[in-house]
N, C-alpha and C. Protein backbone atom coordinates (compact mmCIF):
# COMPACT_ATOMS: atom_id res chain seq x y z
N MET A 1 -115.99 -67.45 177.06
CA MET A 1 -115.42 -66.01 176.34
C MET A 1 -116.11 -65.82 174.93
N TYR A 2 -115.83 -64.51 174.06
CA TYR A 2 -116.03 -64.46 172.65
C TYR A 2 -114.76 -64.00 172.47
N THR A 3 -114.60 -63.58 171.61
CA THR A 3 -112.98 -63.18 170.39
C THR A 3 -113.55 -61.76 169.21
N SER A 4 -112.19 -61.49 169.63
CA SER A 4 -112.58 -59.99 168.70
C SER A 4 -112.29 -60.33 166.55
N THR A 5 -112.10 -59.73 166.36
CA THR A 5 -112.63 -59.45 165.13
C THR A 5 -111.31 -60.56 164.51
N ASP A 6 -109.95 -60.39 165.40
CA ASP A 6 -109.02 -60.74 165.26
C ASP A 6 -108.53 -62.27 165.56
N GLY A 7 -109.41 -62.55 166.59
CA GLY A 7 -109.38 -63.85 166.34
C GLY A 7 -108.44 -64.50 168.40
N ALA A 8 -108.78 -62.58 169.09
CA ALA A 8 -108.07 -62.67 170.26
C ALA A 8 -109.37 -62.45 171.00
N PRO A 9 -109.60 -62.80 172.27
CA PRO A 9 -110.41 -63.46 173.15
C PRO A 9 -109.93 -61.95 173.95
N ARG A 10 -111.58 -61.71 173.83
CA ARG A 10 -111.06 -60.13 174.31
C ARG A 10 -111.40 -60.93 175.55
N GLY A 11 -111.49 -60.33 176.95
CA GLY A 11 -111.51 -60.59 178.86
C GLY A 11 -110.67 -59.75 179.42
N SER A 12 -109.53 -60.56 180.67
CA SER A 12 -108.93 -60.44 181.19
C SER A 12 -107.44 -59.63 180.43
N ASP A 13 -106.99 -59.39 180.20
CA ASP A 13 -105.16 -58.98 179.67
C ASP A 13 -104.64 -61.19 179.76
N GLU A 14 -104.83 -60.97 181.07
CA GLU A 14 -104.53 -62.70 180.65
C GLU A 14 -105.29 -63.44 179.94
N GLN A 15 -105.94 -63.29 179.91
CA GLN A 15 -105.94 -64.13 178.40
C GLN A 15 -105.22 -64.03 177.81
N ALA A 16 -105.58 -62.63 177.16
CA ALA A 16 -105.25 -62.43 175.98
C ALA A 16 -103.95 -62.28 175.54
N ASP A 17 -102.70 -62.09 177.41
CA ASP A 17 -101.55 -62.47 177.21
C ASP A 17 -101.02 -64.00 176.34
N ALA A 18 -102.63 -64.75 177.45
CA ALA A 18 -102.30 -66.70 176.83
C ALA A 18 -102.44 -67.21 176.20
N TYR A 19 -103.34 -66.54 175.28
CA TYR A 19 -103.98 -66.31 173.58
C TYR A 19 -102.89 -66.37 173.15
N GLN A 20 -102.35 -65.02 172.96
CA GLN A 20 -100.75 -64.82 172.40
C GLN A 20 -99.55 -65.37 172.61
N ARG A 21 -99.27 -66.40 173.86
CA ARG A 21 -98.41 -66.52 174.00
C ARG A 21 -98.59 -68.35 173.37
N ALA A 22 -100.08 -68.24 173.08
CA ALA A 22 -100.19 -69.82 172.75
C ALA A 22 -100.00 -69.71 171.05
N ARG A 23 -100.75 -68.90 171.07
CA ARG A 23 -100.29 -68.08 169.13
C ARG A 23 -99.22 -68.52 168.89
N HIS A 24 -97.55 -67.69 169.28
CA HIS A 24 -96.73 -67.45 168.95
C HIS A 24 -96.05 -69.14 169.51
N ARG A 25 -97.34 -69.84 170.24
CA ARG A 25 -95.91 -70.80 170.48
C ARG A 25 -96.75 -72.23 168.96
N VAL A 26 -97.87 -71.97 169.26
CA VAL A 26 -98.44 -72.41 167.25
C VAL A 26 -97.81 -72.47 166.47
N GLY A 27 -97.68 -70.38 166.30
CA GLY A 27 -96.29 -70.37 165.17
C GLY A 27 -94.85 -70.85 165.17
N GLN A 28 -94.18 -71.47 166.01
CA GLN A 28 -93.16 -72.17 166.31
C GLN A 28 -93.31 -72.93 166.02
N ILE A 29 -93.99 -73.98 166.43
CA ILE A 29 -94.35 -75.64 166.01
C ILE A 29 -94.35 -75.69 164.68
N ARG A 30 -95.69 -74.47 163.77
CA ARG A 30 -95.94 -75.12 161.67
C ARG A 30 -95.06 -74.97 161.81
N GLY A 31 -93.90 -73.80 162.25
CA GLY A 31 -92.83 -73.10 161.54
C GLY A 31 -90.90 -74.00 161.47
N PHE A 32 -90.78 -75.26 162.62
CA PHE A 32 -90.52 -76.27 162.62
C PHE A 32 -91.17 -77.94 162.19
N TYR A 33 -92.30 -77.54 161.51
CA TYR A 33 -92.95 -78.90 161.05
C TYR A 33 -92.53 -78.79 159.28
N SER A 34 -93.29 -77.05 159.04
CA SER A 34 -92.67 -76.78 157.54
C SER A 34 -91.43 -76.42 157.02
N ASN A 35 -90.06 -76.88 157.94
CA ASN A 35 -88.83 -76.65 157.55
C ASN A 35 -88.54 -78.15 157.20
N LEU A 36 -89.23 -79.45 158.16
CA LEU A 36 -89.05 -80.57 157.98
C LEU A 36 -89.60 -80.88 156.92
N PHE A 37 -91.19 -81.00 156.74
CA PHE A 37 -91.29 -80.86 155.31
C PHE A 37 -90.06 -81.15 154.29
N SER A 38 -90.42 -79.41 154.37
CA SER A 38 -89.06 -78.81 153.07
C SER A 38 -87.85 -79.78 153.01
N TYR A 39 -86.84 -80.26 154.15
CA TYR A 39 -86.02 -81.36 154.63
C TYR A 39 -86.09 -81.35 153.56
N LEU A 40 -87.68 -82.80 154.49
CA LEU A 40 -87.56 -84.18 153.68
C LEU A 40 -88.10 -84.55 152.10
N VAL A 41 -88.52 -83.04 151.62
CA VAL A 41 -88.98 -82.82 150.25
C VAL A 41 -87.89 -82.78 149.13
N ILE A 42 -87.07 -81.58 149.78
CA ILE A 42 -85.88 -81.36 148.77
C ILE A 42 -84.74 -82.27 148.79
N VAL A 43 -84.49 -82.92 150.19
CA VAL A 43 -82.92 -83.82 150.58
C VAL A 43 -84.34 -84.88 149.35
N ALA A 44 -85.31 -85.51 148.94
CA ALA A 44 -85.78 -86.15 149.06
C ALA A 44 -85.23 -86.14 147.05
N PHE A 45 -85.83 -85.03 146.90
CA PHE A 45 -85.44 -84.84 144.91
C PHE A 45 -84.00 -84.18 145.17
N LEU A 46 -83.20 -84.09 145.71
CA LEU A 46 -81.50 -84.43 145.11
C LEU A 46 -81.29 -85.05 145.03
N ALA A 47 -81.78 -86.36 145.63
CA ALA A 47 -80.80 -87.63 145.76
C ALA A 47 -81.69 -88.36 144.77
N VAL A 48 -83.57 -88.24 144.06
CA VAL A 48 -83.01 -88.37 142.38
C VAL A 48 -82.47 -88.63 141.50
N VAL A 49 -82.70 -86.69 141.87
CA VAL A 49 -81.52 -86.44 140.74
C VAL A 49 -80.45 -86.75 141.08
N ASN A 50 -79.31 -87.03 141.93
CA ASN A 50 -78.02 -87.57 141.76
C ASN A 50 -77.99 -88.91 141.90
N LEU A 51 -78.62 -89.62 142.11
CA LEU A 51 -79.20 -90.99 141.77
C LEU A 51 -79.05 -91.20 140.39
N LEU A 52 -79.64 -90.47 139.64
CA LEU A 52 -80.38 -90.61 137.87
C LEU A 52 -78.75 -89.70 137.16
N THR A 53 -77.98 -88.72 137.77
CA THR A 53 -77.44 -88.67 137.05
C THR A 53 -75.25 -89.00 136.91
N ASP A 54 -75.37 -89.19 138.32
CA ASP A 54 -73.41 -90.32 138.85
C ASP A 54 -74.16 -91.06 140.18
N ARG A 55 -73.51 -91.76 139.58
CA ARG A 55 -74.33 -92.91 141.19
C ARG A 55 -72.36 -92.37 141.80
N THR A 56 -71.72 -92.97 141.10
CA THR A 56 -70.53 -92.64 142.33
C THR A 56 -69.64 -91.59 143.11
N TYR A 57 -70.44 -90.73 143.04
CA TYR A 57 -70.12 -89.61 144.52
C TYR A 57 -71.59 -88.56 143.93
N LEU A 58 -71.35 -89.62 145.47
CA LEU A 58 -73.52 -88.58 146.15
C LEU A 58 -73.34 -87.55 147.19
N TRP A 59 -73.07 -86.35 146.27
CA TRP A 59 -73.27 -85.43 146.43
C TRP A 59 -74.52 -84.73 147.33
N PHE A 60 -75.75 -85.27 147.68
CA PHE A 60 -76.73 -84.24 148.30
C PHE A 60 -76.22 -85.25 149.03
N LEU A 61 -75.78 -86.02 150.10
CA LEU A 61 -75.60 -86.13 151.52
C LEU A 61 -75.04 -85.50 152.47
N TRP A 62 -74.85 -84.20 151.29
CA TRP A 62 -73.70 -83.50 151.68
C TRP A 62 -75.17 -82.18 152.19
N VAL A 63 -76.16 -81.95 151.52
CA VAL A 63 -76.69 -81.61 151.74
C VAL A 63 -78.03 -81.70 152.95
N ALA A 64 -78.32 -83.03 152.60
CA ALA A 64 -78.89 -83.42 153.79
C ALA A 64 -78.33 -83.50 155.28
N ALA A 65 -76.58 -83.90 155.10
CA ALA A 65 -76.23 -83.10 156.65
C ALA A 65 -76.18 -81.56 157.16
N GLY A 66 -76.16 -81.37 155.97
CA GLY A 66 -75.59 -80.01 156.75
C GLY A 66 -76.84 -78.88 156.86
N TRP A 67 -77.88 -79.56 156.16
CA TRP A 67 -78.92 -78.93 155.83
C TRP A 67 -80.33 -79.74 157.90
N GLY A 68 -79.84 -81.37 157.42
CA GLY A 68 -79.50 -81.96 159.00
C GLY A 68 -79.66 -81.11 160.38
N VAL A 69 -78.40 -80.65 160.39
CA VAL A 69 -78.11 -80.47 161.53
C VAL A 69 -78.84 -79.09 162.01
N ALA A 70 -79.58 -78.17 160.52
CA ALA A 70 -79.55 -77.03 161.27
C ALA A 70 -81.51 -77.18 161.60
N VAL A 71 -81.93 -78.58 161.55
CA VAL A 71 -83.49 -78.97 161.64
C VAL A 71 -83.47 -78.88 162.73
N ALA A 72 -82.02 -79.99 163.60
CA ALA A 72 -82.08 -80.23 164.34
C ALA A 72 -81.83 -79.74 165.97
N PHE A 73 -80.73 -78.69 165.29
CA PHE A 73 -81.51 -77.10 165.65
C PHE A 73 -82.69 -76.18 165.97
N HIS A 74 -83.36 -75.98 164.63
CA HIS A 74 -84.20 -75.98 164.80
C HIS A 74 -85.32 -76.98 165.34
N ALA A 75 -85.64 -78.22 165.56
CA ALA A 75 -85.95 -78.55 166.78
C ALA A 75 -85.87 -79.12 168.53
N TYR A 76 -84.94 -78.67 168.36
CA TYR A 76 -84.13 -77.95 169.51
C TYR A 76 -84.93 -77.34 170.43
N ALA A 77 -84.68 -76.01 169.00
CA ALA A 77 -85.37 -74.99 169.65
C ALA A 77 -86.77 -74.68 170.44
N THR A 78 -87.69 -75.80 169.00
CA THR A 78 -88.93 -75.70 169.39
C THR A 78 -89.29 -76.52 170.43
N PHE A 79 -88.69 -77.23 171.32
CA PHE A 79 -88.66 -78.26 171.69
C PHE A 79 -88.76 -78.79 173.20
N ALA A 80 -86.68 -78.98 172.47
CA ALA A 80 -86.86 -79.22 173.75
C ALA A 80 -86.09 -78.09 174.96
N SER A 81 -85.96 -77.23 174.36
CA SER A 81 -85.34 -76.06 175.41
C SER A 81 -85.92 -75.61 175.72
N ARG A 82 -87.43 -76.01 175.24
CA ARG A 82 -88.14 -75.19 176.94
C ARG A 82 -88.18 -75.40 178.05
N GLY A 83 -87.65 -76.63 178.15
CA GLY A 83 -87.70 -76.71 180.13
C GLY A 83 -86.52 -76.53 179.85
N LEU A 84 -84.98 -76.33 179.55
CA LEU A 84 -83.67 -75.87 179.65
C LEU A 84 -83.63 -74.49 178.75
N PHE A 85 -83.52 -73.60 180.01
CA PHE A 85 -83.99 -72.48 179.71
C PHE A 85 -84.44 -71.41 178.67
N GLY A 86 -86.43 -71.99 178.66
CA GLY A 86 -86.91 -71.99 177.95
C GLY A 86 -88.35 -71.13 178.87
N ARG A 87 -89.05 -70.51 178.37
CA ARG A 87 -90.21 -69.21 178.85
C ARG A 87 -90.83 -69.78 180.75
N GLU A 88 -90.50 -71.12 181.07
CA GLU A 88 -91.16 -71.85 182.11
C GLU A 88 -89.80 -70.96 183.03
N TRP A 89 -88.60 -72.16 182.79
CA TRP A 89 -87.44 -71.14 183.58
C TRP A 89 -87.33 -69.60 184.03
N GLU A 90 -87.73 -68.94 182.65
CA GLU A 90 -87.56 -67.48 183.08
C GLU A 90 -88.64 -66.95 183.88
N GLU A 91 -89.31 -68.03 183.61
CA GLU A 91 -91.08 -66.94 184.14
C GLU A 91 -90.87 -67.75 185.70
N ARG A 92 -89.81 -69.01 186.28
CA ARG A 92 -89.55 -69.23 187.64
C ARG A 92 -89.01 -67.94 188.40
N LYS A 93 -87.36 -67.78 187.26
CA LYS A 93 -86.45 -67.16 188.13
C LYS A 93 -86.99 -65.55 188.21
N ILE A 94 -87.67 -65.43 187.88
CA ILE A 94 -88.00 -63.32 187.39
C ILE A 94 -88.99 -63.73 188.73
N ARG A 95 -89.93 -65.06 189.45
CA ARG A 95 -90.87 -65.09 190.11
C ARG A 95 -89.98 -65.19 191.44
N GLU A 96 -88.50 -66.45 192.07
CA GLU A 96 -87.56 -66.57 193.48
C GLU A 96 -86.40 -65.24 192.71
N ILE A 97 -86.60 -63.94 192.00
CA ILE A 97 -85.35 -62.84 192.79
C ILE A 97 -86.39 -62.06 192.57
N MET A 98 -87.55 -61.61 192.41
CA MET A 98 -89.00 -60.64 192.60
C MET A 98 -89.02 -61.20 194.40
N ASP A 99 -89.45 -62.79 194.50
CA ASP A 99 -89.57 -63.28 196.39
C ASP A 99 -88.60 -62.92 197.31
N ARG A 100 -87.29 -63.29 196.81
CA ARG A 100 -85.78 -62.69 197.60
C ARG A 100 -85.65 -60.81 197.68
N GLU A 101 -86.78 -60.30 196.41
CA GLU A 101 -86.07 -58.55 197.30
C GLU A 101 -87.49 -58.08 197.30
N ARG A 102 -88.50 -58.74 198.11
CA ARG A 102 -89.65 -58.51 198.79
C ARG A 102 -88.58 -58.49 200.20
N LYS A 103 -88.21 -59.48 200.19
CA LYS A 103 -87.68 -60.46 201.97
C LYS A 103 -86.52 -59.10 202.80
């Protein structure tokens, strides 16, 4: 299989679609790991700042909890939701409806 200058495979439309879906999926996964890395670095930095300035009130935990919930939702959307109403589910339902309408 040959690729074009933008990296997309040349050939059938099906191959091009599969490549675009895979590229999109890799972008989603990269986005999640980027978010997770930012979360870990920034929360660690805020924890150090908090502990060096005021050990009596741990305010960085509020940031860690709030952003942690957002990271958890991002993880769910990236990894877990593929089986629960994800792309595979959509495609199965589309095939099911099309089969029913043909009969």
